[in-house]
Amino acid sequence: MGFVVGGKSAWKVSRFGDLVIAYHWVKGEPAMVLYPNPRFASSQVVPYCLPLQSAHELVHGDTKGLGVNSEVLLQKASKAAELFGRENDYATIRQVADALLRGLDDLLRMPPQPAALEAKERPAPTGELALKVEGKTVFETEA
């Protein structure tokens, strides 16, 4: 069973600058998958996945009254930029962090995975895919 980022299997896909935010069900759970627009990215891009069960970390522990835990947000944005093969500079981290924050509302609104999507037949595998969350492989398959 393959995993296609974006496209028809996504609940919703939006763009934020040159980033794409796709909302998928990973292992049956809602998740926000962030990746550079393929038109502007190298061929070796790894998507960044923020599952719903980890989204609370972005706001939990807010010690500055900003409505967001800036330390965790910056760590996640830095990791995503690294996965995308981008430099960890101010502009990149800010863009990724903004995309993560803007995507939270839609992530929280995602419905449970439709049964039809679970049973849908997938095309024959043509390669391999590893989906990593915070550096740990959470999903690995042929795609």
C-alpha atoms as a PDB file:
ATOM      1  CA  MET A   1       0.000   0.000   0.000  1.00  0.00           C
ATOM      2  CA  GLY A   2       1.512   3.310  -1.094  1.00  0.00           C
ATOM      3  CA  PHE A   3       1.192   6.769   0.384  1.00  0.00           C
ATOM      4  CA  VAL A   4       0.710   9.713  -1.956  1.00  0.00           C
ATOM      5  CA  VAL A   5       1.186  13.193  -0.505  1.00  0.00           C
ATOM      6  CA  GLY A   6      -1.412  15.678  -1.728  1.00  0.00           C
ATOM      7  CA  GLY A   7      -3.733  14.722  -4.549  1.00  0.00           C
ATOM      8  CA  LYS A   8      -7.039  12.890  -4.299  1.00  0.00           C
ATOM      9  CA  SER A   9      -6.201  11.009  -1.101  1.00  0.00           C
ATOM     10  CA  ALA A  10      -5.873  14.282   0.856  1.00  0.00           C
ATOM     11  CA  TRP A  11      -8.808  15.746   2.760  1.00  0.00           C
ATOM     12  CA  LYS A  12      -7.628  19.213   1.790  1.00  0.00           C
ATOM     13  CA  VAL A  13      -4.588  20.755   0.108  1.00  0.00           C
ATOM     14  CA  SER A  14      -3.560  24.402   0.371  1.00  0.00           C
ATOM     15  CA  ARG A  15      -0.516  26.470  -0.495  1.00  0.00           C
ATOM     16  CA  PHE A  16       1.435  28.825   1.701  1.00  0.00           C
ATOM     17  CA  GLY A  17       4.098  30.598  -0.320  1.00  0.00           C
ATOM     18  CA  ASP A  18       6.184  27.864  -1.908  1.00  0.00           C
ATOM     19  CA  LEU A  19       5.010  25.298   0.660  1.00  0.00           C
ATOM     20  CA  VAL A  20       2.129  22.878   0.299  1.00  0.00           C
ATOM     21  CA  ILE A  21       0.001  21.892   3.282  1.00  0.00           C
ATOM     22  CA  ALA A  22      -1.850  18.618   2.754  1.00  0.00           C
ATOM     23  CA  TYR A  23      -4.177  17.055   5.295  1.00  0.00           C
ATOM     24  CA  HIS A  24      -4.054  13.262   5.310  1.00  0.00           C
ATOM     25  CA  TRP A  25      -4.944  10.371   7.537  1.00  0.00           C
ATOM     26  CA  VAL A  26      -1.719   8.655   8.602  1.00  0.00           C
ATOM     27  CA  LYS A  27      -2.367   5.283  10.225  1.00  0.00           C
ATOM     28  CA  GLY A  28      -6.035   6.335  10.369  1.00  0.00           C
ATOM     29  CA  GLU A  29      -5.339   9.554  12.327  1.00  0.00           C
ATOM     30  CA  PRO A  30      -5.575  13.148  11.024  1.00  0.00           C
ATOM     31  CA  ALA A  31      -2.227  14.718  10.173  1.00  0.00           C
ATOM     32  CA  MET A  32      -0.879  17.870   8.544  1.00  0.00           C
ATOM     33  CA  VAL A  33       1.807  17.087   5.952  1.00  0.00           C
ATOM     34  CA  LEU A  34       4.010  19.970   4.905  1.00  0.00           C
ATOM     35  CA  TYR A  35       6.319  19.887   1.895  1.00  0.00           C
ATOM     36  CA  PRO A  36       7.806  22.280  -0.661  1.00  0.00           C
ATOM     37  CA  ASN A  37       5.862  22.784  -3.872  1.00  0.00           C
ATOM     38  CA  PRO A  38       7.279  20.121  -6.214  1.00  0.00           C
ATOM     39  CA  ARG A  39       7.716  22.758  -8.943  1.00  0.00           C
ATOM     40  CA  PHE A  40      10.358  24.518  -6.826  1.00  0.00           C
ATOM     41  CA  ALA A  41      11.904  21.611  -4.877  1.00  0.00           C
ATOM     42  CA  SER A  42      14.735  19.208  -5.446  1.00  0.00           C
ATOM     43  CA  SER A  43      13.886  15.570  -6.047  1.00  0.00           C
ATOM     44  CA  GLN A  44      15.050  14.472  -2.584  1.00  0.00           C
ATOM     45  CA  VAL A  45      12.443  16.230  -0.432  1.00  0.00           C
ATOM     46  CA  VAL A  46      11.098  14.503   2.670  1.00  0.00           C
ATOM     47  CA  PRO A  47       7.651  15.738   3.812  1.00  0.00           C
ATOM     48  CA  TYR A  48       7.171  16.886   7.402  1.00  0.00           C
ATOM     49  CA  CYS A  49       4.210  15.320   9.209  1.00  0.00           C
ATOM     50  CA  LEU A  50       2.481  16.813  12.244  1.00  0.00           C
ATOM     51  CA  PRO A  51      -0.110  14.331  13.546  1.00  0.00           C
ATOM     52  CA  LEU A  52      -3.136  15.651  15.395  1.00  0.00           C
ATOM     53  CA  GLN A  53      -1.993  13.900  18.565  1.00  0.00           C
ATOM     54  CA  SER A  54       1.189  16.052  18.595  1.00  0.00           C
ATOM     55  CA  ALA A  55      -0.380  19.367  17.575  1.00  0.00           C
ATOM     56  CA  HIS A  56      -1.048  20.352  21.198  1.00  0.00           C
ATOM     57  CA  GLU A  57       2.712  20.708  21.713  1.00  0.00           C
ATOM     58  CA  LEU A  58       2.633  23.897  19.637  1.00  0.00           C
ATOM     59  CA  VAL A  59       0.424  25.662  22.164  1.00  0.00           C
ATOM     60  CA  HIS A  60       0.888  23.697  25.406  1.00  0.00           C
ATOM     61  CA  GLY A  61       3.506  25.236  27.667  1.00  0.00           C
ATOM     62  CA  ASP A  62       3.127  28.795  26.372  1.00  0.00           C
ATOM     63  CA  THR A  63       5.098  30.735  28.983  1.00  0.00           C
ATOM     64  CA  LYS A  64       5.104  34.117  27.257  1.00  0.00           C
ATOM     65  CA  GLY A  65       1.375  34.626  26.707  1.00  0.00           C
ATOM     66  CA  LEU A  66       1.743  34.457  22.931  1.00  0.00           C
ATOM     67  CA  GLY A  67      -0.747  31.631  22.409  1.00  0.00           C
ATOM     68  CA  VAL A  68       2.027  29.415  21.091  1.00  0.00           C
ATOM     69  CA  ASN A  69       4.974  27.544  22.581  1.00  0.00           C
ATOM     70  CA  SER A  70       7.601  29.339  20.507  1.00  0.00           C
ATOM     71  CA  GLU A  71      10.450  27.013  21.524  1.00  0.00           C
ATOM     72  CA  VAL A  72       8.622  23.888  20.313  1.00  0.00           C
ATOM     73  CA  LEU A  73       7.330  25.676  17.205  1.00  0.00           C
ATOM     74  CA  LEU A  74      10.851  26.766  16.232  1.00  0.00           C
ATOM     75  CA  GLN A  75      12.217  23.247  16.845  1.00  0.00           C
ATOM     76  CA  LYS A  76       9.546  21.708  14.602  1.00  0.00           C
ATOM     77  CA  ALA A  77      10.014  24.366  11.913  1.00  0.00           C
ATOM     78  CA  SER A  78      13.785  23.852  11.985  1.00  0.00           C
ATOM     79  CA  LYS A  79      13.371  20.077  11.636  1.00  0.00           C
ATOM     80  CA  ALA A  80      10.952  20.536   8.719  1.00  0.00           C
ATOM     81  CA  ALA A  81      13.374  22.905   6.944  1.00  0.00           C
ATOM     82  CA  GLU A  82      16.129  20.337   7.394  1.00  0.00           C
ATOM     83  CA  LEU A  83      13.937  17.597   5.888  1.00  0.00           C
ATOM     84  CA  PHE A  84      13.142  19.885   2.942  1.00  0.00           C
ATOM     85  CA  GLY A  85      16.866  20.363   2.293  1.00  0.00           C
ATOM     86  CA  ARG A  86      16.684  24.078   3.038  1.00  0.00           C
ATOM     87  CA  GLU A  87      18.933  26.327   5.053  1.00  0.00           C
ATOM     88  CA  ASN A  88      17.989  26.924   8.664  1.00  0.00           C
ATOM     89  CA  ASP A  89      17.886  30.696   8.295  1.00  0.00           C
ATOM     90  CA  TYR A  90      15.398  33.174   9.740  1.00  0.00           C
ATOM     91  CA  ALA A  91      13.225  33.497   6.618  1.00  0.00           C
ATOM     92  CA  THR A  92      12.899  29.743   6.117  1.00  0.00           C
ATOM     93  CA  ILE A  93      12.126  28.976   9.764  1.00  0.00           C
ATOM     94  CA  ARG A  94       9.576  31.784   9.875  1.00  0.00           C
ATOM     95  CA  GLN A  95       7.827  30.595   6.713  1.00  0.00           C
ATOM     96  CA  VAL A  96       7.606  26.995   7.958  1.00  0.00           C
ATOM     97  CA  ALA A  97       6.479  28.098  11.431  1.00  0.00           C
ATOM     98  CA  ASP A  98       3.781  30.332   9.913  1.00  0.00           C
ATOM     99  CA  ALA A  99       2.581  27.453   7.717  1.00  0.00           C
ATOM    100  CA  LEU A 100       2.369  25.139  10.745  1.00  0.00           C
ATOM    101  CA  LEU A 101       0.358  27.686  12.730  1.00  0.00           C
ATOM    102  CA  ARG A 102      -1.964  28.512   9.826  1.00  0.00           C
ATOM    103  CA  GLY A 103      -2.612  24.820   9.263  1.00  0.00           C
ATOM    104  CA  LEU A 104      -3.676  24.054  12.837  1.00  0.00           C
ATOM    105  CA  ASP A 105      -7.314  25.141  12.403  1.00  0.00           C
ATOM    106  CA  ASP A 106      -7.844  22.838   9.436  1.00  0.00           C
ATOM    107  CA  LEU A 107      -6.056  19.998  11.208  1.00  0.00           C
ATOM    108  CA  LEU A 108      -8.429  20.362  14.155  1.00  0.00           C
ATOM    109  CA  ARG A 109     -11.439  20.371  11.790  1.00  0.00           C
ATOM    110  CA  MET A 110     -10.446  17.181   9.970  1.00  0.00           C
ATOM    111  CA  PRO A 111     -13.081  14.475  10.166  1.00  0.00           C
ATOM    112  CA  PRO A 112     -12.290  10.827  10.972  1.00  0.00           C
ATOM    113  CA  GLN A 113     -10.897   8.830   8.061  1.00  0.00           C
ATOM    114  CA  PRO A 114     -13.671   7.813   5.665  1.00  0.00           C
ATOM    115  CA  ALA A 115     -14.169   4.056   5.358  1.00  0.00           C
ATOM    116  CA  ALA A 116     -14.111   4.351   1.554  1.00  0.00           C
ATOM    117  CA  LEU A 117     -10.596   5.796   1.689  1.00  0.00           C
ATOM    118  CA  GLU A 118      -9.375   2.936   3.877  1.00  0.00           C
ATOM    119  CA  ALA A 119     -10.627   0.310   1.415  1.00  0.00           C
ATOM    120  CA  LYS A 120      -9.561   2.117  -1.765  1.00  0.00           C
ATOM    121  CA  GLU A 121      -7.304   0.116  -4.068  1.00  0.00           C
ATOM    122  CA  ARG A 122      -3.870   1.604  -4.640  1.00  0.00           C
ATOM    123  CA  PRO A 123      -1.689   1.424  -7.765  1.00  0.00           C
ATOM    124  CA  ALA A 124       1.203  -1.033  -7.914  1.00  0.00           C
ATOM    125  CA  PRO A 125       4.305   0.203  -6.004  1.00  0.00           C
ATOM    126  CA  THR A 126       6.987   2.042  -7.975  1.00  0.00           C
ATOM    127  CA  GLY A 127       9.374   3.011  -5.167  1.00  0.00           C
ATOM    128  CA  GLU A 128       9.774   3.332  -1.402  1.00  0.00           C
ATOM    129  CA  LEU A 129       8.509   5.971   1.028  1.00  0.00           C
ATOM    130  CA  ALA A 130       9.418   6.702   4.629  1.00  0.00           C
ATOM    131  CA  LEU A 131       7.311   9.199   6.596  1.00  0.00           C
ATOM    132  CA  LYS A 132       9.142  10.694   9.570  1.00  0.00           C
ATOM    133  CA  VAL A 133       7.721  12.618  12.491  1.00  0.00           C
ATOM    134  CA  GLU A 134      10.302  14.545  14.474  1.00  0.00           C
ATOM    135  CA  GLY A 135      13.090  12.386  13.093  1.00  0.00           C
ATOM    136  CA  LYS A 136      11.417   9.042  13.859  1.00  0.00           C
ATOM    137  CA  THR A 137      10.075   6.837  11.090  1.00  0.00           C
ATOM    138  CA  VAL A 138       6.336   6.373  11.700  1.00  0.00           C
ATOM    139  CA  PHE A 139       5.358   4.926   8.358  1.00  0.00           C
ATOM    140  CA  GLU A 140       7.398   3.040   5.805  1.00  0.00           C
ATOM    141  CA  THR A 141       6.079   1.410   2.658  1.00  0.00           C
ATOM    142  CA  GLU A 142       6.533   0.818  -1.000  1.00  0.00           C
ATOM    143  CA  ALA A 143       4.970   3.575  -3.080  1.00  0.00           C
END
